[in-house]
Amino acid sequence: MRKHRMFVLGAGLLALSLFAAACSDSGGDDDTGGSASASESSAPKPELTVGVSGAFAENQLVAEMYAQVLENAGYTVSRELDISDREVGNKALADGEIDLKPEYTGFDLPLYDKNAPTNGEPQAVADALSGAVADSGLVTYAISPANSTNVFVTTPETAQQNNLTDMSSLAPVAGQLTFGAPADCTTAAFCIPGLKKTYGITFSDFKPLDPGAPTVAAIDSGAVDVGELFSLDPTISDKGYHVLTDDKNLQADGNFIPVVRNEVASPQLGQLLDSVTTKLTDDNMREMVGEVQNQHKDVSDVAKTFLQNQGIL
């Protein structure tokens, strides 16, 4: 926040040295090292379009939080929260149809650098993504403590019947089981191709399902034996599902991170996005996803309540 000073001039002449010192001190209010400058704060703010990497509750929640914080700071914001998947969202960024979106560090990284490690030390993965997207005219800011990755779950009964403990134990019996996951699982490196390459898993059948409630319904009805869910989905604990441990570390890190077009990026915008991202934890994201997904609350209402409770709005 800039500090404003008011000078009162007496009737006499103000000494030139004092005048120069005052001018010099006022100029020192311009921040460096990533802080928003005075000229930036007063400059007209661009109109922004906030998108998503997929039309599901947790990503829409983070995108809506970004939108509300930016609007509160004086930006004019449009929302595109129904983008179907990451590839579509990345193309929208490249084409300038959206200006920013919340991403998941290790899951977005292979689309820009196929050889970079996607899990391990979270900041190292984030730094790799930052470097990889730079060539595409994009920048990133801080990552969240929250880590939303993929998990593969079954009912306790299915786990017991098939002696399932971890992903490796799934390989010998997968040929007798049906798997449900989002449609892009057939080509995603962390899904069917990765499961086969890393674990030797080949299912008897695959059913494309939307994330969240449709997958849960299919697991509960027996339409699928194994389902893919996000690790921050509160239904996993609510239903008592058995999570198959990713014992060979196939899955990527999924810390939230904003990806922004260079044309609209600025230190002030980064500070605003960071004020949201750095407050996201596994626990509070799981709670908010439950409010939207299970209690059917409006995304914008849940996002606003969180931001107010955190003192961000």
C-alpha atoms as a PDB file:
ATOM      1  CA  MET A   1       0.000   0.000   0.000  1.00  0.00           C
ATOM      2  CA  ARG A   2       1.344   3.411  -0.917  1.00  0.00           C
ATOM      3  CA  LYS A   3       1.939   5.911   1.892  1.00  0.00           C
ATOM      4  CA  HIS A   4       0.544   9.351   1.104  1.00  0.00           C
ATOM      5  CA  ARG A   5       2.186  12.391   2.617  1.00  0.00           C
ATOM      6  CA  MET A   6       0.704  15.926   2.850  1.00  0.00           C
ATOM      7  CA  PHE A   7       3.041  18.833   2.945  1.00  0.00           C
ATOM      8  CA  VAL A   8       2.009  22.235   4.377  1.00  0.00           C
ATOM      9  CA  LEU A   9       3.981  25.166   3.007  1.00  0.00           C
ATOM     10  CA  GLY A  10       4.527  28.205   5.216  1.00  0.00           C
ATOM     11  CA  ALA A  11       4.440  31.768   3.998  1.00  0.00           C
ATOM     12  CA  GLY A  12       8.198  31.857   3.591  1.00  0.00           C
ATOM     13  CA  LEU A  13      10.150  30.334   0.792  1.00  0.00           C
ATOM     14  CA  LEU A  14      10.713  26.578   1.135  1.00  0.00           C
ATOM     15  CA  ALA A  15      14.389  25.726   1.050  1.00  0.00           C
ATOM     16  CA  LEU A  16      15.426  24.115  -2.205  1.00  0.00           C
ATOM     17  CA  SER A  17      17.163  21.310  -0.375  1.00  0.00           C
ATOM     18  CA  LEU A  18      14.007  20.388   1.529  1.00  0.00           C
ATOM     19  CA  PHE A  19      12.007  20.465  -1.662  1.00  0.00           C
ATOM     20  CA  ALA A  20      14.492  18.164  -3.357  1.00  0.00           C
ATOM     21  CA  ALA A  21      14.505  15.797  -0.395  1.00  0.00           C
ATOM     22  CA  ALA A  22      10.721  15.632  -0.354  1.00  0.00           C
ATOM     23  CA  CYS A  23      10.650  14.853  -4.075  1.00  0.00           C
ATOM     24  CA  SER A  24      13.269  12.162  -3.638  1.00  0.00           C
ATOM     25  CA  ASP A  25      11.408  10.571  -0.708  1.00  0.00           C
ATOM     26  CA  SER A  26       8.124  10.564  -2.595  1.00  0.00           C
ATOM     27  CA  GLY A  27       9.772   8.818  -5.533  1.00  0.00           C
ATOM     28  CA  GLY A  28      10.986   6.081  -3.180  1.00  0.00           C
ATOM     29  CA  ASP A  29       7.425   4.879  -2.754  1.00  0.00           C
ATOM     30  CA  ASP A  30       7.788   3.017  -6.037  1.00  0.00           C
ATOM     31  CA  ASP A  31       8.167  -0.603  -4.972  1.00  0.00           C
ATOM     32  CA  THR A  32      10.583  -3.090  -6.481  1.00  0.00           C
ATOM     33  CA  GLY A  33      11.048  -6.816  -6.407  1.00  0.00           C
ATOM     34  CA  GLY A  34       7.561  -7.766  -7.592  1.00  0.00           C
ATOM     35  CA  SER A  35       5.581  -5.086  -5.771  1.00  0.00           C
ATOM     36  CA  ALA A  36       3.010  -2.974  -7.573  1.00  0.00           C
ATOM     37  CA  SER A  37       4.305   0.504  -8.425  1.00  0.00           C
ATOM     38  CA  ALA A  38       2.403   3.758  -7.999  1.00  0.00           C
ATOM     39  CA  SER A  39       2.106   4.247 -11.743  1.00  0.00           C
ATOM     40  CA  GLU A  40       0.798   0.715 -12.140  1.00  0.00           C
ATOM     41  CA  SER A  41      -1.756   1.156  -9.358  1.00  0.00           C
ATOM     42  CA  SER A  42      -3.140   4.311 -10.978  1.00  0.00           C
ATOM     43  CA  ALA A  43      -2.968   3.070 -14.576  1.00  0.00           C
ATOM     44  CA  PRO A  44      -6.150   1.895 -16.332  1.00  0.00           C
ATOM     45  CA  LYS A  45      -6.621  -1.815 -15.696  1.00  0.00           C
ATOM     46  CA  PRO A  46      -7.167  -4.177 -18.630  1.00  0.00           C
ATOM     47  CA  GLU A  47     -10.343  -6.159 -19.099  1.00  0.00           C
ATOM     48  CA  LEU A  48      -9.655  -9.784 -18.201  1.00  0.00           C
ATOM     49  CA  THR A  49     -11.263 -13.120 -18.981  1.00  0.00           C
ATOM     50  CA  VAL A  50     -10.751 -15.853 -16.405  1.00  0.00           C
ATOM     51  CA  GLY A  51     -11.036 -19.446 -17.599  1.00  0.00           C
ATOM     52  CA  VAL A  52     -10.565 -22.933 -16.198  1.00  0.00           C
ATOM     53  CA  SER A  53      -8.661 -26.103 -17.021  1.00  0.00           C
ATOM     54  CA  GLY A  54     -11.874 -28.130 -16.715  1.00  0.00           C
ATOM     55  CA  ALA A  55     -15.510 -27.561 -15.821  1.00  0.00           C
ATOM     56  CA  PHE A  56     -15.466 -29.163 -12.376  1.00  0.00           C
ATOM     57  CA  ALA A  57     -16.082 -27.773  -8.921  1.00  0.00           C
ATOM     58  CA  GLU A  58     -12.601 -27.258  -7.497  1.00  0.00           C
ATOM     59  CA  ASN A  59     -11.162 -25.559 -10.567  1.00  0.00           C
ATOM     60  CA  GLN A  60     -14.250 -23.383 -10.987  1.00  0.00           C
ATOM     61  CA  LEU A  61     -13.978 -22.374  -7.339  1.00  0.00           C
ATOM     62  CA  VAL A  62     -10.384 -21.183  -7.685  1.00  0.00           C
ATOM     63  CA  ALA A  63     -11.142 -19.399 -10.956  1.00  0.00           C
ATOM     64  CA  GLU A  64     -14.119 -17.646  -9.349  1.00  0.00           C
ATOM     65  CA  MET A  65     -11.965 -16.561  -6.421  1.00  0.00           C
ATOM     66  CA  TYR A  66      -9.450 -15.064  -8.840  1.00  0.00           C
ATOM     67  CA  ALA A  67     -12.258 -13.263 -10.655  1.00  0.00           C
ATOM     68  CA  GLN A  68     -13.771 -11.801  -7.489  1.00  0.00           C
ATOM     69  CA  VAL A  69     -10.431 -10.570  -6.125  1.00  0.00           C
ATOM     70  CA  LEU A  70      -9.600  -8.927  -9.445  1.00  0.00           C
ATOM     71  CA  GLU A  71     -13.017  -7.271  -9.644  1.00  0.00           C
ATOM     72  CA  ASN A  72     -12.595  -5.989  -6.102  1.00  0.00           C
ATOM     73  CA  ALA A  73      -9.317  -4.358  -7.214  1.00  0.00           C
ATOM     74  CA  GLY A  74     -11.012  -2.545 -10.099  1.00  0.00           C
ATOM     75  CA  TYR A  75     -10.540  -4.929 -13.009  1.00  0.00           C
ATOM     76  CA  THR A  76     -13.402  -5.675 -15.375  1.00  0.00           C
ATOM     77  CA  VAL A  77     -13.654  -9.459 -15.443  1.00  0.00           C
ATOM     78  CA  SER A  78     -15.469 -11.931 -17.678  1.00  0.00           C
ATOM     79  CA  ARG A  79     -15.710 -15.613 -16.821  1.00  0.00           C
ATOM     80  CA  GLU A  80     -15.405 -18.737 -18.973  1.00  0.00           C
ATOM     81  CA  LEU A  81     -15.928 -21.463 -16.395  1.00  0.00           C
ATOM     82  CA  ASP A  82     -17.341 -24.165 -18.648  1.00  0.00           C
ATOM     83  CA  ILE A  83     -14.199 -24.971 -20.655  1.00  0.00           C
ATOM     84  CA  SER A  84     -14.225 -28.729 -21.022  1.00  0.00           C
ATOM     85  CA  ASP A  85     -10.598 -29.677 -20.446  1.00  0.00           C
ATOM     86  CA  ARG A  86      -6.973 -28.579 -20.184  1.00  0.00           C
ATOM     87  CA  GLU A  87      -6.154 -28.784 -23.881  1.00  0.00           C
ATOM     88  CA  VAL A  88      -9.100 -26.549 -24.766  1.00  0.00           C
ATOM     89  CA  GLY A  89      -8.151 -24.130 -21.987  1.00  0.00           C
ATOM     90  CA  ASN A  90      -4.531 -23.960 -23.115  1.00  0.00           C
ATOM     91  CA  LYS A  91      -5.606 -23.205 -26.680  1.00  0.00           C
ATOM     92  CA  ALA A  92      -7.909 -20.482 -25.371  1.00  0.00           C
ATOM     93  CA  LEU A  93      -4.919 -18.957 -23.548  1.00  0.00           C
ATOM     94  CA  ALA A  94      -2.744 -19.169 -26.655  1.00  0.00           C
ATOM     95  CA  ASP A  95      -5.446 -17.556 -28.799  1.00  0.00           C
ATOM     96  CA  GLY A  96      -6.149 -14.793 -26.281  1.00  0.00           C
ATOM     97  CA  GLU A  97      -9.709 -15.947 -25.710  1.00  0.00           C
ATOM     98  CA  ILE A  98      -8.972 -16.126 -21.989  1.00  0.00           C
ATOM     99  CA  ASP A  99      -6.246 -14.289 -20.079  1.00  0.00           C
ATOM    100  CA  LEU A 100      -5.622 -16.562 -17.128  1.00  0.00           C
ATOM    101  CA  LYS A 101      -6.729 -19.780 -15.468  1.00  0.00           C
ATOM    102  CA  PRO A 102      -5.915 -21.868 -12.419  1.00  0.00           C
ATOM    103  CA  GLU A 103      -3.826 -24.897 -13.292  1.00  0.00           C
ATOM    104  CA  TYR A 104      -2.245 -27.887 -11.592  1.00  0.00           C
ATOM    105  CA  THR A 105       1.550 -27.774 -11.669  1.00  0.00           C
ATOM    106  CA  GLY A 106       2.541 -31.297 -12.668  1.00  0.00           C
ATOM    107  CA  PHE A 107      -0.483 -31.979 -14.833  1.00  0.00           C
ATOM    108  CA  ASP A 108      -0.032 -28.913 -17.031  1.00  0.00           C
ATOM    109  CA  LEU A 109       3.737 -29.316 -17.316  1.00  0.00           C
ATOM    110  CA  PRO A 110       3.863 -32.202 -19.873  1.00  0.00           C
ATOM    111  CA  LEU A 111       1.901 -30.138 -22.386  1.00  0.00           C
ATOM    112  CA  TYR A 112       4.833 -27.706 -22.491  1.00  0.00           C
ATOM    113  CA  ASP A 113       7.764 -29.967 -21.590  1.00  0.00           C
ATOM    114  CA  LYS A 114       7.313 -33.710 -22.008  1.00  0.00           C
ATOM    115  CA  ASN A 115      10.611 -34.536 -20.331  1.00  0.00           C
ATOM    116  CA  ALA A 116      10.307 -32.549 -17.100  1.00  0.00           C
ATOM    117  CA  PRO A 117       9.610 -34.449 -13.845  1.00  0.00           C
ATOM    118  CA  THR A 118       5.997 -33.931 -12.802  1.00  0.00           C
ATOM    119  CA  ASN A 119       6.224 -34.857  -9.135  1.00  0.00           C
ATOM    120  CA  GLY A 120       8.647 -34.507  -6.260  1.00  0.00           C
ATOM    121  CA  GLU A 121       9.470 -31.214  -4.581  1.00  0.00           C
ATOM    122  CA  PRO A 122       6.410 -28.989  -5.292  1.00  0.00           C
ATOM    123  CA  GLN A 123       8.305 -25.744  -5.885  1.00  0.00           C
ATOM    124  CA  ALA A 124      10.723 -27.464  -8.263  1.00  0.00           C
ATOM    125  CA  VAL A 125       7.789 -28.702 -10.352  1.00  0.00           C
ATOM    126  CA  ALA A 126       6.267 -25.212 -10.276  1.00  0.00           C
ATOM    127  CA  ASP A 127       9.553 -23.664 -11.375  1.00  0.00           C
ATOM    128  CA  ALA A 128       9.780 -26.139 -14.242  1.00  0.00           C
ATOM    129  CA  LEU A 129       6.284 -25.159 -15.365  1.00  0.00           C
ATOM    130  CA  SER A 130       7.154 -21.463 -15.123  1.00  0.00           C
ATOM    131  CA  GLY A 131      10.153 -21.975 -17.380  1.00  0.00           C
ATOM    132  CA  ALA A 132       8.253 -24.192 -19.797  1.00  0.00           C
ATOM    133  CA  VAL A 133       5.326 -21.822 -20.361  1.00  0.00           C
ATOM    134  CA  ALA A 134       7.561 -18.776 -20.867  1.00  0.00           C
ATOM    135  CA  ASP A 135       8.199 -19.697 -24.497  1.00  0.00           C
ATOM    136  CA  SER A 136       4.441 -19.599 -25.050  1.00  0.00           C
ATOM    137  CA  GLY A 137       4.144 -16.054 -23.730  1.00  0.00           C
ATOM    138  CA  LEU A 138       2.794 -17.093 -20.331  1.00  0.00           C
ATOM    139  CA  VAL A 139       3.793 -16.432 -16.741  1.00  0.00           C
ATOM    140  CA  THR A 140       2.943 -18.117 -13.448  1.00  0.00           C
ATOM    141  CA  TYR A 141       2.810 -16.927  -9.854  1.00  0.00           C
ATOM    142  CA  ALA A 142       2.769 -18.631  -6.427  1.00  0.00           C
ATOM    143  CA  ILE A 143       1.582 -22.184  -5.845  1.00  0.00           C
ATOM    144  CA  SER A 144      -0.906 -23.373  -3.255  1.00  0.00           C
ATOM    145  CA  PRO A 145      -0.194 -25.592  -0.257  1.00  0.00           C
ATOM    146  CA  ALA A 146      -3.176 -27.624  -1.500  1.00  0.00           C
ATOM    147  CA  ASN A 147      -2.263 -30.557  -3.732  1.00  0.00           C
ATOM    148  CA  SER A 148      -5.083 -32.004  -5.822  1.00  0.00           C
ATOM    149  CA  THR A 149      -3.916 -35.079  -7.682  1.00  0.00           C
ATOM    150  CA  ASN A 150      -5.668 -38.121  -9.164  1.00  0.00           C
ATOM    151  CA  VAL A 151      -6.596 -41.094  -7.029  1.00  0.00           C
ATOM    152  CA  PHE A 152      -8.120 -44.427  -7.981  1.00  0.00           C
ATOM    153  CA  VAL A 153     -10.764 -45.764  -5.628  1.00  0.00           C
ATOM    154  CA  THR A 154     -13.031 -48.745  -5.075  1.00  0.00           C
ATOM    155  CA  THR A 155     -15.657 -49.676  -2.563  1.00  0.00           C
ATOM    156  CA  PRO A 156     -14.298 -51.578   0.465  1.00  0.00           C
ATOM    157  CA  GLU A 157     -16.144 -54.654  -0.783  1.00  0.00           C
ATOM    158  CA  THR A 158     -14.429 -54.575  -4.187  1.00  0.00           C
ATOM    159  CA  ALA A 159     -11.069 -54.054  -2.539  1.00  0.00           C
ATOM    160  CA  GLN A 160     -11.594 -57.010  -0.216  1.00  0.00           C
ATOM    161  CA  GLN A 161     -12.904 -59.334  -2.935  1.00  0.00           C
ATOM    162  CA  ASN A 162      -9.906 -58.635  -5.179  1.00  0.00           C
ATOM    163  CA  ASN A 163      -7.199 -58.205  -2.532  1.00  0.00           C
ATOM    164  CA  LEU A 164      -6.586 -54.622  -3.615  1.00  0.00           C
ATOM    165  CA  THR A 165      -4.199 -52.501  -1.588  1.00  0.00           C
ATOM    166  CA  ASP A 166      -2.250 -50.383  -4.052  1.00  0.00           C
ATOM    167  CA  MET A 167      -2.063 -49.812  -7.811  1.00  0.00           C
ATOM    168  CA  SER A 168       0.379 -52.676  -8.292  1.00  0.00           C
ATOM    169  CA  SER A 169      -2.122 -55.095  -6.745  1.00  0.00           C
ATOM    170  CA  LEU A 170      -4.662 -53.983  -9.355  1.00  0.00           C
ATOM    171  CA  ALA A 171      -2.664 -55.248 -12.322  1.00  0.00           C
ATOM    172  CA  PRO A 172      -3.387 -59.018 -11.915  1.00  0.00           C
ATOM    173  CA  VAL A 173      -7.172 -58.525 -11.671  1.00  0.00           C
ATOM    174  CA  ALA A 174      -7.770 -55.426 -13.818  1.00  0.00           C
ATOM    175  CA  GLY A 175      -8.772 -57.604 -16.769  1.00  0.00           C
ATOM    176  CA  GLN A 176     -11.892 -58.583 -14.814  1.00  0.00           C
ATOM    177  CA  LEU A 177     -12.833 -55.041 -13.764  1.00  0.00           C
ATOM    178  CA  THR A 178     -14.526 -51.996 -15.292  1.00  0.00           C
ATOM    179  CA  PHE A 179     -12.907 -48.592 -14.954  1.00  0.00           C
ATOM    180  CA  GLY A 180     -14.603 -45.183 -14.947  1.00  0.00           C
ATOM    181  CA  ALA A 181     -12.864 -41.839 -15.496  1.00  0.00           C
ATOM    182  CA  PRO A 182     -13.141 -38.664 -17.597  1.00  0.00           C
ATOM    183  CA  ALA A 183     -13.199 -39.175 -21.352  1.00  0.00           C
ATOM    184  CA  ASP A 184      -9.670 -37.832 -21.874  1.00  0.00           C
ATOM    185  CA  CYS A 185      -8.340 -40.698 -19.744  1.00  0.00           C
ATOM    186  CA  THR A 186      -7.821 -42.718 -22.937  1.00  0.00           C
ATOM    187  CA  THR A 187      -5.026 -40.379 -24.014  1.00  0.00           C
ATOM    188  CA  ALA A 188      -3.877 -38.709 -20.762  1.00  0.00           C
ATOM    189  CA  ALA A 189      -0.378 -39.707 -19.673  1.00  0.00           C
ATOM    190  CA  PHE A 190      -1.498 -40.109 -16.060  1.00  0.00           C
ATOM    191  CA  CYS A 191      -4.482 -42.295 -16.886  1.00  0.00           C
ATOM    192  CA  ILE A 192      -4.967 -45.308 -19.181  1.00  0.00           C
ATOM    193  CA  PRO A 193      -1.668 -45.025 -21.116  1.00  0.00           C
ATOM    194  CA  GLY A 194       0.286 -44.361 -17.922  1.00  0.00           C
ATOM    195  CA  LEU A 195      -1.474 -47.113 -15.996  1.00  0.00           C
ATOM    196  CA  LYS A 196      -0.522 -49.616 -18.670  1.00  0.00           C
ATOM    197  CA  LYS A 197       3.064 -48.404 -19.023  1.00  0.00           C
ATOM    198  CA  THR A 198       3.829 -48.003 -15.304  1.00  0.00           C
ATOM    199  CA  TYR A 199       1.754 -50.766 -13.741  1.00  0.00           C
ATOM    200  CA  GLY A 200       0.796 -53.103 -16.588  1.00  0.00           C
ATOM    201  CA  ILE A 201      -2.876 -52.386 -15.901  1.00  0.00           C
ATOM    202  CA  THR A 202      -5.408 -53.127 -18.641  1.00  0.00           C
ATOM    203  CA  PHE A 203      -9.096 -53.040 -17.665  1.00  0.00           C
ATOM    204  CA  SER A 204     -11.793 -55.205 -19.212  1.00  0.00           C
ATOM    205  CA  ASP A 205     -13.884 -52.120 -19.996  1.00  0.00           C
ATOM    206  CA  PHE A 206     -13.715 -48.338 -19.749  1.00  0.00           C
ATOM    207  CA  LYS A 207     -16.656 -46.024 -19.132  1.00  0.00           C
ATOM    208  CA  PRO A 208     -16.123 -42.298 -19.776  1.00  0.00           C
ATOM    209  CA  LEU A 209     -17.609 -40.320 -16.878  1.00  0.00           C
ATOM    210  CA  ASP A 210     -17.640 -36.713 -15.779  1.00  0.00           C
ATOM    211  CA  PRO A 211     -15.571 -35.990 -12.645  1.00  0.00           C
ATOM    212  CA  GLY A 212     -17.234 -36.042  -9.263  1.00  0.00           C
ATOM    213  CA  ALA A 213     -20.853 -37.043  -8.792  1.00  0.00           C
ATOM    214  CA  PRO A 214     -21.276 -39.129 -11.999  1.00  0.00           C
ATOM    215  CA  THR A 215     -18.213 -41.195 -11.139  1.00  0.00           C
ATOM    216  CA  VAL A 216     -19.395 -41.609  -7.543  1.00  0.00           C
ATOM    217  CA  ALA A 217     -22.809 -42.768  -8.736  1.00  0.00           C
ATOM    218  CA  ALA A 218     -21.214 -45.326 -11.060  1.00  0.00           C
ATOM    219  CA  ILE A 219     -19.022 -46.698  -8.254  1.00  0.00           C
ATOM    220  CA  ASP A 220     -21.959 -46.960  -5.855  1.00  0.00           C
ATOM    221  CA  SER A 221     -24.217 -48.670  -8.399  1.00  0.00           C
ATOM    222  CA  GLY A 222     -21.559 -51.150  -9.461  1.00  0.00           C
ATOM    223  CA  ALA A 223     -21.479 -49.806 -13.010  1.00  0.00           C
ATOM    224  CA  VAL A 224     -17.717 -49.451 -12.546  1.00  0.00           C
ATOM    225  CA  ASP A 225     -15.414 -51.295 -10.177  1.00  0.00           C
ATOM    226  CA  VAL A 226     -12.646 -48.695 -10.077  1.00  0.00           C
ATOM    227  CA  GLY A 227     -13.123 -44.968 -10.443  1.00  0.00           C
ATOM    228  CA  GLU A 228     -10.800 -42.006 -10.789  1.00  0.00           C
ATOM    229  CA  LEU A 229     -11.499 -39.060  -8.493  1.00  0.00           C
ATOM    230  CA  PHE A 230      -9.656 -35.957  -7.407  1.00  0.00           C
ATOM    231  CA  SER A 231      -7.823 -36.449  -4.146  1.00  0.00           C
ATOM    232  CA  LEU A 232      -9.609 -33.445  -2.595  1.00  0.00           C
ATOM    233  CA  ASP A 233     -13.075 -34.859  -3.306  1.00  0.00           C
ATOM    234  CA  PRO A 234     -14.723 -35.129   0.143  1.00  0.00           C
ATOM    235  CA  THR A 235     -16.861 -38.003  -1.111  1.00  0.00           C
ATOM    236  CA  ILE A 236     -13.879 -40.326  -0.767  1.00  0.00           C
ATOM    237  CA  SER A 237     -13.926 -40.109   3.014  1.00  0.00           C
ATOM    238  CA  ASP A 238     -17.687 -39.588   3.251  1.00  0.00           C
ATOM    239  CA  LYS A 239     -18.311 -42.851   1.400  1.00  0.00           C
ATOM    240  CA  GLY A 240     -15.413 -44.721   2.960  1.00  0.00           C
ATOM    241  CA  TYR A 241     -13.885 -45.589  -0.414  1.00  0.00           C
ATOM    242  CA  HIS A 242     -10.641 -47.531  -0.525  1.00  0.00           C
ATOM    243  CA  VAL A 243      -7.872 -45.451  -2.133  1.00  0.00           C
ATOM    244  CA  LEU A 244      -5.333 -47.497  -4.078  1.00  0.00           C
ATOM    245  CA  THR A 245      -1.887 -46.173  -3.204  1.00  0.00           C
ATOM    246  CA  ASP A 246       0.120 -44.889  -6.155  1.00  0.00           C
ATOM    247  CA  ASP A 247       3.114 -47.006  -5.131  1.00  0.00           C
ATOM    248  CA  LYS A 248       5.144 -46.254  -8.275  1.00  0.00           C
ATOM    249  CA  ASN A 249       4.484 -42.501  -8.205  1.00  0.00           C
ATOM    250  CA  LEU A 250       2.748 -42.203 -11.559  1.00  0.00           C
ATOM    251  CA  GLN A 251       0.546 -39.289 -10.589  1.00  0.00           C
ATOM    252  CA  ALA A 252       1.735 -35.706 -10.888  1.00  0.00           C
ATOM    253  CA  ASP A 253       1.799 -32.992  -8.270  1.00  0.00           C
ATOM    254  CA  GLY A 254      -1.411 -30.982  -8.422  1.00  0.00           C
ATOM    255  CA  ASN A 255      -0.668 -27.749  -6.580  1.00  0.00           C
ATOM    256  CA  PHE A 256      -2.852 -24.904  -7.824  1.00  0.00           C
ATOM    257  CA  ILE A 257      -1.038 -22.234  -9.834  1.00  0.00           C
ATOM    258  CA  PRO A 258      -2.313 -19.349 -11.970  1.00  0.00           C
ATOM    259  CA  VAL A 259      -1.133 -19.291 -15.592  1.00  0.00           C
ATOM    260  CA  VAL A 260      -1.402 -15.835 -17.147  1.00  0.00           C
ATOM    261  CA  ARG A 261      -0.822 -14.261 -20.551  1.00  0.00           C
ATOM    262  CA  ASN A 262       2.206 -11.959 -20.603  1.00  0.00           C
ATOM    263  CA  GLU A 263       0.157  -9.203 -22.192  1.00  0.00           C
ATOM    264  CA  VAL A 264      -1.921  -8.735 -19.038  1.00  0.00           C
ATOM    265  CA  ALA A 265       0.580  -9.832 -16.383  1.00  0.00           C
ATOM    266  CA  SER A 266       1.836  -7.312 -13.832  1.00  0.00           C
ATOM    267  CA  PRO A 267       3.233  -7.301 -10.293  1.00  0.00           C
ATOM    268  CA  GLN A 268      -0.114  -6.039  -8.964  1.00  0.00           C
ATOM    269  CA  LEU A 269      -2.058  -8.781 -10.715  1.00  0.00           C
ATOM    270  CA  GLY A 270       0.418 -11.335  -9.372  1.00  0.00           C
ATOM    271  CA  GLN A 271      -0.037 -10.062  -5.823  1.00  0.00           C
ATOM    272  CA  LEU A 272      -3.812 -10.325  -6.131  1.00  0.00           C
ATOM    273  CA  LEU A 273      -3.698 -13.878  -7.448  1.00  0.00           C
ATOM    274  CA  ASP A 274      -1.128 -14.877  -4.831  1.00  0.00           C
ATOM    275  CA  SER A 275      -3.415 -13.570  -2.081  1.00  0.00           C
ATOM    276  CA  VAL A 276      -5.842 -16.322  -3.071  1.00  0.00           C
ATOM    277  CA  THR A 277      -3.586 -19.179  -4.130  1.00  0.00           C
ATOM    278  CA  THR A 278      -1.384 -19.155  -1.038  1.00  0.00           C
ATOM    279  CA  LYS A 279      -4.438 -19.540   1.219  1.00  0.00           C
ATOM    280  CA  LEU A 280      -5.648 -22.764  -0.415  1.00  0.00           C
ATOM    281  CA  THR A 281      -5.075 -25.904   1.651  1.00  0.00           C
ATOM    282  CA  ASP A 282      -6.202 -29.492   1.295  1.00  0.00           C
ATOM    283  CA  ASP A 283      -8.686 -29.026   4.122  1.00  0.00           C
ATOM    284  CA  ASN A 284     -10.351 -25.802   3.024  1.00  0.00           C
ATOM    285  CA  MET A 285     -10.513 -26.872  -0.625  1.00  0.00           C
ATOM    286  CA  ARG A 286     -12.057 -30.210   0.366  1.00  0.00           C
ATOM    287  CA  GLU A 287     -14.657 -28.353   2.429  1.00  0.00           C
ATOM    288  CA  MET A 288     -15.536 -25.954  -0.388  1.00  0.00           C
ATOM    289  CA  VAL A 289     -15.759 -28.713  -2.988  1.00  0.00           C
ATOM    290  CA  GLY A 290     -18.181 -30.518  -0.690  1.00  0.00           C
ATOM    291  CA  GLU A 291     -20.351 -27.418  -0.395  1.00  0.00           C
ATOM    292  CA  VAL A 292     -20.602 -27.126  -4.175  1.00  0.00           C
ATOM    293  CA  GLN A 293     -20.647 -30.772  -5.161  1.00  0.00           C
ATOM    294  CA  ASN A 294     -22.661 -32.323  -2.354  1.00  0.00           C
ATOM    295  CA  GLN A 295     -24.645 -29.450  -0.853  1.00  0.00           C
ATOM    296  CA  HIS A 296     -25.272 -27.866  -4.275  1.00  0.00           C
ATOM    297  CA  LYS A 297     -24.278 -24.375  -3.196  1.00  0.00           C
ATOM    298  CA  ASP A 298     -23.431 -21.792  -5.838  1.00  0.00           C
ATOM    299  CA  VAL A 299     -19.740 -21.573  -6.765  1.00  0.00           C
ATOM    300  CA  SER A 300     -19.710 -17.781  -6.537  1.00  0.00           C
ATOM    301  CA  ASP A 301     -21.304 -17.797  -3.084  1.00  0.00           C
ATOM    302  CA  VAL A 302     -18.874 -20.368  -1.708  1.00  0.00           C
ATOM    303  CA  ALA A 303     -15.916 -18.503  -3.191  1.00  0.00           C
ATOM    304  CA  LYS A 304     -17.060 -15.161  -1.793  1.00  0.00           C
ATOM    305  CA  THR A 305     -17.613 -16.556   1.706  1.00  0.00           C
ATOM    306  CA  PHE A 306     -14.121 -18.057   1.731  1.00  0.00           C
ATOM    307  CA  LEU A 307     -12.501 -14.825   0.546  1.00  0.00           C
ATOM    308  CA  GLN A 308     -14.367 -12.815   3.178  1.00  0.00           C
ATOM    309  CA  ASN A 309     -13.476 -15.249   5.947  1.00  0.00           C
ATOM    310  CA  GLN A 310      -9.827 -15.049   4.933  1.00  0.00           C
ATOM    311  CA  GLY A 311      -9.916 -11.246   4.962  1.00  0.00           C
ATOM    312  CA  ILE A 312      -9.090 -11.085   1.250  1.00  0.00           C
ATOM    313  CA  LEU A 313     -12.308  -9.269   0.324  1.00  0.00           C
END
